[in-house]
All heavy atoms as atom14 arrays in JSON, in Angstrom:
{
  "sequence": "FYLIAMMSKAWCEKHGVTRPQDYNAKQETHAVRQAMGTG",
  "atom14_mask": [
    [1, 1, 1, 1, 1, 1, 1, 1, 1, 1, 1, 0, 0, 0],
    [1, 1, 1, 1, 1, 1, 1, 1, 1, 1, 1, 1, 0, 0],
    [1, 1, 1, 1, 1, 1, 1, 1, 0, 0, 0, 0, 0, 0],
    [1, 1, 1, 1, 1, 1, 1, 1, 0, 0, 0, 0, 0, 0],
    [1, 1, 1, 1, 1, 0, 0, 0, 0, 0, 0, 0, 0, 0],
    [1, 1, 1, 1, 1, 1, 1, 1, 0, 0, 0, 0, 0, 0],
    [1, 1, 1, 1, 1, 1, 1, 1, 0, 0, 0, 0, 0, 0],
    [1, 1, 1, 1, 1, 1, 0, 0, 0, 0, 0, 0, 0, 0],
    [1, 1, 1, 1, 1, 1, 1, 1, 1, 0, 0, 0, 0, 0],
    [1, 1, 1, 1, 1, 0, 0, 0, 0, 0, 0, 0, 0, 0],
    [1, 1, 1, 1, 1, 1, 1, 1, 1, 1, 1, 1, 1, 1],
    [1, 1, 1, 1, 1, 1, 0, 0, 0, 0, 0, 0, 0, 0],
    [1, 1, 1, 1, 1, 1, 1, 1, 1, 0, 0, 0, 0, 0],
    [1, 1, 1, 1, 1, 1, 1, 1, 1, 0, 0, 0, 0, 0],
    [1, 1, 1, 1, 1, 1, 1, 1, 1, 1, 0, 0, 0, 0],
    [1, 1, 1, 1, 0, 0, 0, 0, 0, 0, 0, 0, 0, 0],
    [1, 1, 1, 1, 1, 1, 1, 0, 0, 0, 0, 0, 0, 0],
    [1, 1, 1, 1, 1, 1, 1, 0, 0, 0, 0, 0, 0, 0],
    [1, 1, 1, 1, 1, 1, 1, 1, 1, 1, 1, 0, 0, 0],
    [1, 1, 1, 1, 1, 1, 1, 0, 0, 0, 0, 0, 0, 0],
    [1, 1, 1, 1, 1, 1, 1, 1, 1, 0, 0, 0, 0, 0],
    [1, 1, 1, 1, 1, 1, 1, 1, 0, 0, 0, 0, 0, 0],
    [1, 1, 1, 1, 1, 1, 1, 1, 1, 1, 1, 1, 0, 0],
    [1, 1, 1, 1, 1, 1, 1, 1, 0, 0, 0, 0, 0, 0],
    [1, 1, 1, 1, 1, 0, 0, 0, 0, 0, 0, 0, 0, 0],
    [1, 1, 1, 1, 1, 1, 1, 1, 1, 0, 0, 0, 0, 0],
    [1, 1, 1, 1, 1, 1, 1, 1, 1, 0, 0, 0, 0, 0],
    [1, 1, 1, 1, 1, 1, 1, 1, 1, 0, 0, 0, 0, 0],
    [1, 1, 1, 1, 1, 1, 1, 0, 0, 0, 0, 0, 0, 0],
    [1, 1, 1, 1, 1, 1, 1, 1, 1, 1, 0, 0, 0, 0],
    [1, 1, 1, 1, 1, 0, 0, 0, 0, 0, 0, 0, 0, 0],
    [1, 1, 1, 1, 1, 1, 1, 0, 0, 0, 0, 0, 0, 0],
    [1, 1, 1, 1, 1, 1, 1, 1, 1, 1, 1, 0, 0, 0],
    [1, 1, 1, 1, 1, 1, 1, 1, 1, 0, 0, 0, 0, 0],
    [1, 1, 1, 1, 1, 0, 0, 0, 0, 0, 0, 0, 0, 0],
    [1, 1, 1, 1, 1, 1, 1, 1, 0, 0, 0, 0, 0, 0],
    [1, 1, 1, 1, 0, 0, 0, 0, 0, 0, 0, 0, 0, 0],
    [1, 1, 1, 1, 1, 1, 1, 0, 0, 0, 0, 0, 0, 0],
    [1, 1, 1, 1, 0, 0, 0, 0, 0, 0, 0, 0, 0, 0]
  ],
  "atom14_positions": [
    [[21.82, 12.14, -34.57], [20.99, 10.96, -34.7], [21.8, 9.7, -35.06], [21.22, 8.62, -35.15], [19.87, 11.19, -35.73], [18.6, 11.68, -35.09], [18.38, 13.03, -34.92], [17.64, 10.79, -34.64], [17.23, 13.49, -34.32], [16.48, 11.22, -34.04], [16.26, 12.59, -33.88], [0.0, 0.0, 0.0], [0.0, 0.0, 0.0], [0.0, 0.0, 0.0]],
    [[23.11, 9.86, -35.25], [23.95, 8.69, -35.49], [23.94, 7.8, -34.24], [24.12, 8.28, -33.12], [25.37, 9.12, -35.82], [26.36, 8.0, -35.93], [26.14, 6.94, -36.81], [27.52, 7.98, -35.17], [27.05, 5.9, -36.92], [28.44, 6.95, -35.28], [28.19, 5.91, -36.16], [29.1, 4.88, -36.26], [0.0, 0.0, 0.0], [0.0, 0.0, 0.0]],
    [[23.68, 6.52, -34.4], [23.58, 5.5, -33.36], [22.28, 5.56, -32.57], [22.13, 4.85, -31.57], [24.78, 5.55, -32.39], [26.16, 5.31, -33.01], [27.25, 5.38, -31.94], [26.22, 3.97, -33.73], [0.0, 0.0, 0.0], [0.0, 0.0, 0.0], [0.0, 0.0, 0.0], [0.0, 0.0, 0.0], [0.0, 0.0, 0.0], [0.0, 0.0, 0.0]],
    [[21.32, 6.36, -33.0], [20.0, 6.36, -32.38], [19.13, 5.35, -33.14], [18.67, 5.62, -34.25], [19.34, 7.75, -32.4], [20.22, 8.76, -31.65], [17.95, 7.68, -31.8], [20.41, 8.47, -30.19], [0.0, 0.0, 0.0], [0.0, 0.0, 0.0], [0.0, 0.0, 0.0], [0.0, 0.0, 0.0], [0.0, 0.0, 0.0], [0.0, 0.0, 0.0]],
    [[18.94, 4.18, -32.55], [18.29, 3.06, -33.25], [16.79, 3.27, -33.35], [16.13, 3.75, -32.43], [18.57, 1.76, -32.51], [0.0, 0.0, 0.0], [0.0, 0.0, 0.0], [0.0, 0.0, 0.0], [0.0, 0.0, 0.0], [0.0, 0.0, 0.0], [0.0, 0.0, 0.0], [0.0, 0.0, 0.0], [0.0, 0.0, 0.0], [0.0, 0.0, 0.0]],
    [[16.25, 2.87, -34.5], [14.81, 2.88, -34.73], [14.24, 1.49, -34.43], [14.74, 0.48, -34.95], [14.51, 3.26, -36.18], [14.95, 4.67, -36.56], [14.04, 5.98, -35.69], [15.34, 6.66, -34.63], [0.0, 0.0, 0.0], [0.0, 0.0, 0.0], [0.0, 0.0, 0.0], [0.0, 0.0, 0.0], [0.0, 0.0, 0.0], [0.0, 0.0, 0.0]],
    [[13.22, 1.45, -33.59], [12.6, 0.19, -33.18], [11.17, 0.11, -33.71], [10.56, 1.13, -34.05], [12.59, 0.07, -31.66], [13.97, 0.09, -31.03], [13.92, -0.16, -29.23], [13.58, -1.93, -29.14], [0.0, 0.0, 0.0], [0.0, 0.0, 0.0], [0.0, 0.0, 0.0], [0.0, 0.0, 0.0], [0.0, 0.0, 0.0], [0.0, 0.0, 0.0]],
    [[10.65, -1.09, -33.73], [9.26, -1.31, -34.15], [8.32, -0.96, -33.0], [8.39, -1.57, -31.92], [9.07, -2.78, -34.55], [7.69, -3.11, -34.59], [0.0, 0.0, 0.0], [0.0, 0.0, 0.0], [0.0, 0.0, 0.0], [0.0, 0.0, 0.0], [0.0, 0.0, 0.0], [0.0, 0.0, 0.0], [0.0, 0.0, 0.0], [0.0, 0.0, 0.0]],
    [[7.44, 0.0, -33.22], [6.48, 0.37, -32.19], [5.6, -0.82, -31.83], [5.36, -1.11, -30.65], [5.62, 1.53, -32.68], [4.55, 1.97, -31.7], [3.67, 3.08, -32.26], [2.59, 3.48, -31.27], [1.69, 4.52, -31.84], [0.0, 0.0, 0.0], [0.0, 0.0, 0.0], [0.0, 0.0, 0.0], [0.0, 0.0, 0.0], [0.0, 0.0, 0.0]],
    [[5.11, -1.54, -32.84], [4.21, -2.67, -32.6], [4.9, -3.76, -31.8], [4.31, -4.34, -30.87], [3.71, -3.22, -33.93], [0.0, 0.0, 0.0], [0.0, 0.0, 0.0], [0.0, 0.0, 0.0], [0.0, 0.0, 0.0], [0.0, 0.0, 0.0], [0.0, 0.0, 0.0], [0.0, 0.0, 0.0], [0.0, 0.0, 0.0], [0.0, 0.0, 0.0]],
    [[6.16, -4.06, -32.14], [6.9, -5.1, -31.44], [7.13, -4.73, -29.98], [6.97, -5.55, -29.07], [8.22, -5.35, -32.15], [9.04, -6.48, -31.6], [8.91, -7.81, -31.88], [10.16, -6.37, -30.7], [9.87, -8.54, -31.19], [10.64, -7.68, -30.46], [10.78, -5.29, -30.05], [11.72, -7.94, -29.62], [11.86, -5.55, -29.22], [12.32, -6.85, -29.01]],
    [[7.51, -3.47, -29.74], [7.76, -3.02, -28.36], [6.49, -3.03, -27.53], [6.51, -3.43, -26.35], [8.38, -1.62, -28.38], [10.09, -1.56, -28.97], [0.0, 0.0, 0.0], [0.0, 0.0, 0.0], [0.0, 0.0, 0.0], [0.0, 0.0, 0.0], [0.0, 0.0, 0.0], [0.0, 0.0, 0.0], [0.0, 0.0, 0.0], [0.0, 0.0, 0.0]],
    [[5.38, -2.61, -28.13], [4.11, -2.63, -27.39], [3.67, -4.05, -27.1], [3.2, -4.36, -25.99], [3.04, -1.89, -28.19], [3.27, -0.38, -28.25], [2.26, 0.34, -29.12], [1.59, -0.32, -29.95], [2.16, 1.58, -28.98], [0.0, 0.0, 0.0], [0.0, 0.0, 0.0], [0.0, 0.0, 0.0], [0.0, 0.0, 0.0], [0.0, 0.0, 0.0]],
    [[3.84, -4.94, -28.05], [3.44, -6.33, -27.87], [4.22, -7.0, -26.74], [3.65, -7.8, -25.96], [3.68, -7.11, -29.17], [3.36, -8.6, -29.07], [3.65, -9.3, -30.4], [3.38, -10.8, -30.3], [3.68, -11.5, -31.59], [0.0, 0.0, 0.0], [0.0, 0.0, 0.0], [0.0, 0.0, 0.0], [0.0, 0.0, 0.0], [0.0, 0.0, 0.0]],
    [[5.49, -6.64, -26.59], [6.34, -7.32, -25.62], [6.61, -6.49, -24.37], [7.46, -6.86, -23.55], [7.66, -7.72, -26.28], [7.49, -8.72, -27.37], [7.12, -10.03, -27.13], [7.62, -8.61, -28.72], [7.03, -10.68, -28.28], [7.34, -9.84, -29.25], [0.0, 0.0, 0.0], [0.0, 0.0, 0.0], [0.0, 0.0, 0.0], [0.0, 0.0, 0.0]],
    [[5.89, -5.39, -24.2], [6.0, -4.6, -22.98], [7.34, -3.92, -22.78], [7.83, -3.81, -21.64], [0.0, 0.0, 0.0], [0.0, 0.0, 0.0], [0.0, 0.0, 0.0], [0.0, 0.0, 0.0], [0.0, 0.0, 0.0], [0.0, 0.0, 0.0], [0.0, 0.0, 0.0], [0.0, 0.0, 0.0], [0.0, 0.0, 0.0], [0.0, 0.0, 0.0]],
    [[7.95, -3.46, -23.88], [9.27, -2.81, -23.78], [9.22, -1.42, -24.41], [10.11, -1.03, -25.16], [10.38, -3.68, -24.41], [10.66, -4.88, -23.55], [10.03, -4.1, -25.83], [0.0, 0.0, 0.0], [0.0, 0.0, 0.0], [0.0, 0.0, 0.0], [0.0, 0.0, 0.0], [0.0, 0.0, 0.0], [0.0, 0.0, 0.0], [0.0, 0.0, 0.0]],
    [[8.18, -0.67, -24.08], [8.07, 0.69, -24.62], [9.07, 1.64, -23.95], [9.3, 2.73, -24.46], [6.65, 1.23, -24.45], [6.28, 1.17, -23.07], [5.66, 0.41, -25.28], [0.0, 0.0, 0.0], [0.0, 0.0, 0.0], [0.0, 0.0, 0.0], [0.0, 0.0, 0.0], [0.0, 0.0, 0.0], [0.0, 0.0, 0.0], [0.0, 0.0, 0.0]],
    [[9.64, 1.24, -22.82], [10.72, 2.0, -22.18], [12.01, 1.18, -22.26], [11.97, -0.05, -22.26], [10.39, 2.31, -20.72], [9.16, 3.17, -20.53], [8.93, 3.45, -19.06], [9.93, 4.36, -18.5], [9.78, 5.69, -18.45], [8.65, 6.24, -18.9], [10.71, 6.46, -17.92], [0.0, 0.0, 0.0], [0.0, 0.0, 0.0], [0.0, 0.0, 0.0]],
    [[13.16, 1.84, -22.3], [14.42, 1.1, -22.34], [14.65, 0.32, -21.05], [14.11, 0.65, -20.0], [15.48, 2.2, -22.5], [14.74, 3.39, -23.01], [13.36, 3.28, -22.44], [0.0, 0.0, 0.0], [0.0, 0.0, 0.0], [0.0, 0.0, 0.0], [0.0, 0.0, 0.0], [0.0, 0.0, 0.0], [0.0, 0.0, 0.0], [0.0, 0.0, 0.0]],
    [[15.45, -0.7, -21.16], [15.91, -1.44, -19.98], [16.65, -0.47, -19.05], [17.43, 0.37, -19.48], [16.87, -2.55, -20.42], [17.6, -3.24, -19.28], [18.91, -3.88, -19.72], [19.42, -3.58, -20.81], [19.46, -4.74, -18.89], [0.0, 0.0, 0.0], [0.0, 0.0, 0.0], [0.0, 0.0, 0.0], [0.0, 0.0, 0.0], [0.0, 0.0, 0.0]],
    [[16.43, -0.6, -17.76], [17.22, 0.12, -16.76], [18.46, -0.7, -16.5], [18.47, -1.62, -15.68], [16.4, 0.33, -15.49], [17.1, 1.25, -14.49], [18.35, 1.35, -14.57], [16.42, 1.83, -13.64], [0.0, 0.0, 0.0], [0.0, 0.0, 0.0], [0.0, 0.0, 0.0], [0.0, 0.0, 0.0], [0.0, 0.0, 0.0], [0.0, 0.0, 0.0]],
    [[19.51, -0.39, -17.22], [20.72, -1.21, -17.16], [21.37, -1.19, -15.78], [21.79, -2.23, -15.26], [21.72, -0.75, -18.22], [23.01, -1.5, -18.12], [23.12, -2.8, -18.61], [24.12, -0.95, -17.47], [24.29, -3.52, -18.47], [25.29, -1.66, -17.33], [25.36, -2.94, -17.84], [26.52, -3.65, -17.69], [0.0, 0.0, 0.0], [0.0, 0.0, 0.0]],
    [[21.46, 0.0, -15.18], [22.13, 0.09, -13.89], [21.4, -0.69, -12.81], [22.02, -1.15, -11.84], [22.28, 1.56, -13.47], [23.34, 2.28, -14.29], [24.27, 1.66, -14.8], [23.2, 3.59, -14.43], [0.0, 0.0, 0.0], [0.0, 0.0, 0.0], [0.0, 0.0, 0.0], [0.0, 0.0, 0.0], [0.0, 0.0, 0.0], [0.0, 0.0, 0.0]],
    [[20.09, -0.85, -12.97], [19.3, -1.64, -12.01], [19.29, -3.12, -12.37], [18.61, -3.91, -11.72], [17.87, -1.1, -11.94], [0.0, 0.0, 0.0], [0.0, 0.0, 0.0], [0.0, 0.0, 0.0], [0.0, 0.0, 0.0], [0.0, 0.0, 0.0], [0.0, 0.0, 0.0], [0.0, 0.0, 0.0], [0.0, 0.0, 0.0], [0.0, 0.0, 0.0]],
    [[20.0, -3.5, -13.45], [20.07, -4.88, -13.93], [18.68, -5.44, -14.22], [18.38, -6.6, -13.95], [20.82, -5.76, -12.92], [22.26, -5.29, -12.69], [23.04, -6.23, -11.83], [24.48, -5.76, -11.68], [25.3, -6.66, -10.84], [0.0, 0.0, 0.0], [0.0, 0.0, 0.0], [0.0, 0.0, 0.0], [0.0, 0.0, 0.0], [0.0, 0.0, 0.0]],
    [[17.85, -4.6, -14.8], [16.48, -5.0, -15.15], [16.49, -6.02, -16.29], [17.27, -5.9, -17.23], [15.67, -3.77, -15.55], [14.23, -4.05, -15.92], [13.53, -2.82, -16.48], [14.18, -1.89, -16.96], [12.21, -2.81, -16.42], [0.0, 0.0, 0.0], [0.0, 0.0, 0.0], [0.0, 0.0, 0.0], [0.0, 0.0, 0.0], [0.0, 0.0, 0.0]],
    [[15.63, -7.01, -16.2], [15.43, -7.97, -17.28], [14.14, -7.64, -18.02], [13.09, -7.48, -17.39], [15.34, -9.4, -16.73], [16.7, -10.05, -16.5], [17.42, -10.36, -17.8], [16.74, -10.59, -18.82], [18.66, -10.36, -17.79], [0.0, 0.0, 0.0], [0.0, 0.0, 0.0], [0.0, 0.0, 0.0], [0.0, 0.0, 0.0], [0.0, 0.0, 0.0]],
    [[14.23, -7.48, -19.34], [13.06, -7.24, -20.17], [13.17, -8.11, -21.42], [14.21, -8.7, -21.7], [12.92, -5.77, -20.59], [13.9, -5.49, -21.62], [13.13, -4.81, -19.42], [0.0, 0.0, 0.0], [0.0, 0.0, 0.0], [0.0, 0.0, 0.0], [0.0, 0.0, 0.0], [0.0, 0.0, 0.0], [0.0, 0.0, 0.0], [0.0, 0.0, 0.0]],
    [[12.09, -8.14, -22.19], [12.08, -8.91, -23.44], [13.15, -8.42, -24.41], [13.74, -9.21, -25.16], [10.69, -8.79, -24.08], [10.48, -9.69, -25.26], [10.17, -11.02, -25.15], [10.55, -9.43, -26.6], [10.03, -11.55, -26.36], [10.26, -10.61, -27.25], [0.0, 0.0, 0.0], [0.0, 0.0, 0.0], [0.0, 0.0, 0.0], [0.0, 0.0, 0.0]],
    [[13.43, -7.1, -24.39], [14.38, -6.52, -25.34], [15.83, -6.76, -24.96], [16.73, -6.48, -25.75], [14.13, -5.02, -25.47], [0.0, 0.0, 0.0], [0.0, 0.0, 0.0], [0.0, 0.0, 0.0], [0.0, 0.0, 0.0], [0.0, 0.0, 0.0], [0.0, 0.0, 0.0], [0.0, 0.0, 0.0], [0.0, 0.0, 0.0], [0.0, 0.0, 0.0]],
    [[16.08, -7.29, -23.78], [17.46, -7.55, -23.36], [18.06, -8.71, -24.15], [19.24, -8.69, -24.5], [17.51, -7.83, -21.84], [18.9, -8.32, -21.42], [17.14, -6.58, -21.06], [0.0, 0.0, 0.0], [0.0, 0.0, 0.0], [0.0, 0.0, 0.0], [0.0, 0.0, 0.0], [0.0, 0.0, 0.0], [0.0, 0.0, 0.0], [0.0, 0.0, 0.0]],
    [[17.25, -9.71, -24.45], [17.78, -10.92, -25.08], [17.12, -11.24, -26.42], [17.41, -12.26, -27.02], [17.65, -12.11, -24.12], [18.22, -11.72, -22.79], [18.56, -12.84, -21.87], [19.2, -12.25, -20.71], [20.5, -11.98, -20.64], [21.31, -12.3, -21.62], [21.0, -11.4, -19.57], [0.0, 0.0, 0.0], [0.0, 0.0, 0.0], [0.0, 0.0, 0.0]],
    [[16.25, -10.38, -26.88], [15.62, -10.56, -28.17], [15.61, -9.22, -28.91], [15.73, -8.17, -28.29], [14.21, -11.11, -28.0], [14.2, -12.41, -27.19], [12.85, -13.08, -27.14], [12.34, -13.52, -28.16], [12.29, -13.16, -25.95], [0.0, 0.0, 0.0], [0.0, 0.0, 0.0], [0.0, 0.0, 0.0], [0.0, 0.0, 0.0], [0.0, 0.0, 0.0]],
    [[15.48, -9.26, -30.21], [15.61, -8.03, -30.99], [14.75, -8.09, -32.24], [14.5, -9.17, -32.78], [17.07, -7.8, -31.38], [0.0, 0.0, 0.0], [0.0, 0.0, 0.0], [0.0, 0.0, 0.0], [0.0, 0.0, 0.0], [0.0, 0.0, 0.0], [0.0, 0.0, 0.0], [0.0, 0.0, 0.0], [0.0, 0.0, 0.0], [0.0, 0.0, 0.0]],
    [[14.33, -6.91, -32.72], [13.56, -6.8, -33.96], [13.9, -5.47, -34.6], [13.31, -4.44, -34.3], [12.05, -6.89, -33.67], [11.19, -6.89, -34.91], [11.57, -8.26, -36.03], [11.11, -9.65, -34.99], [0.0, 0.0, 0.0], [0.0, 0.0, 0.0], [0.0, 0.0, 0.0], [0.0, 0.0, 0.0], [0.0, 0.0, 0.0], [0.0, 0.0, 0.0]],
    [[14.89, -5.49, -35.47], [15.32, -4.27, -36.14], [15.06, -4.31, -37.63], [14.32, -5.17, -38.13], [0.0, 0.0, 0.0], [0.0, 0.0, 0.0], [0.0, 0.0, 0.0], [0.0, 0.0, 0.0], [0.0, 0.0, 0.0], [0.0, 0.0, 0.0], [0.0, 0.0, 0.0], [0.0, 0.0, 0.0], [0.0, 0.0, 0.0], [0.0, 0.0, 0.0]],
    [[15.7, -3.38, -38.35], [15.62, -3.34, -39.81], [16.98, -3.63, -40.44], [17.11, -3.62, -41.66], [15.18, -1.95, -40.29], [16.16, -0.98, -39.86], [13.8, -1.57, -39.75], [0.0, 0.0, 0.0], [0.0, 0.0, 0.0], [0.0, 0.0, 0.0], [0.0, 0.0, 0.0], [0.0, 0.0, 0.0], [0.0, 0.0, 0.0], [0.0, 0.0, 0.0]],
    [[18.0, -3.87, -39.61], [19.37, -3.92, -40.09], [19.71, -5.11, -40.97], [18.9, -6.01, -41.2], [0.0, 0.0, 0.0], [0.0, 0.0, 0.0], [0.0, 0.0, 0.0], [0.0, 0.0, 0.0], [0.0, 0.0, 0.0], [0.0, 0.0, 0.0], [0.0, 0.0, 0.0], [0.0, 0.0, 0.0], [0.0, 0.0, 0.0], [0.0, 0.0, 0.0]]
  ]
}
């Protein structure tokens, strides 16, 4: 579980990012350029 980040369920649902970005497809999502962690 080292490096497995915990995200806000509410924030991801609000911004439509309940699935990770498809990096290889160069997908743009809200989570690509914005963040909401606990760090």
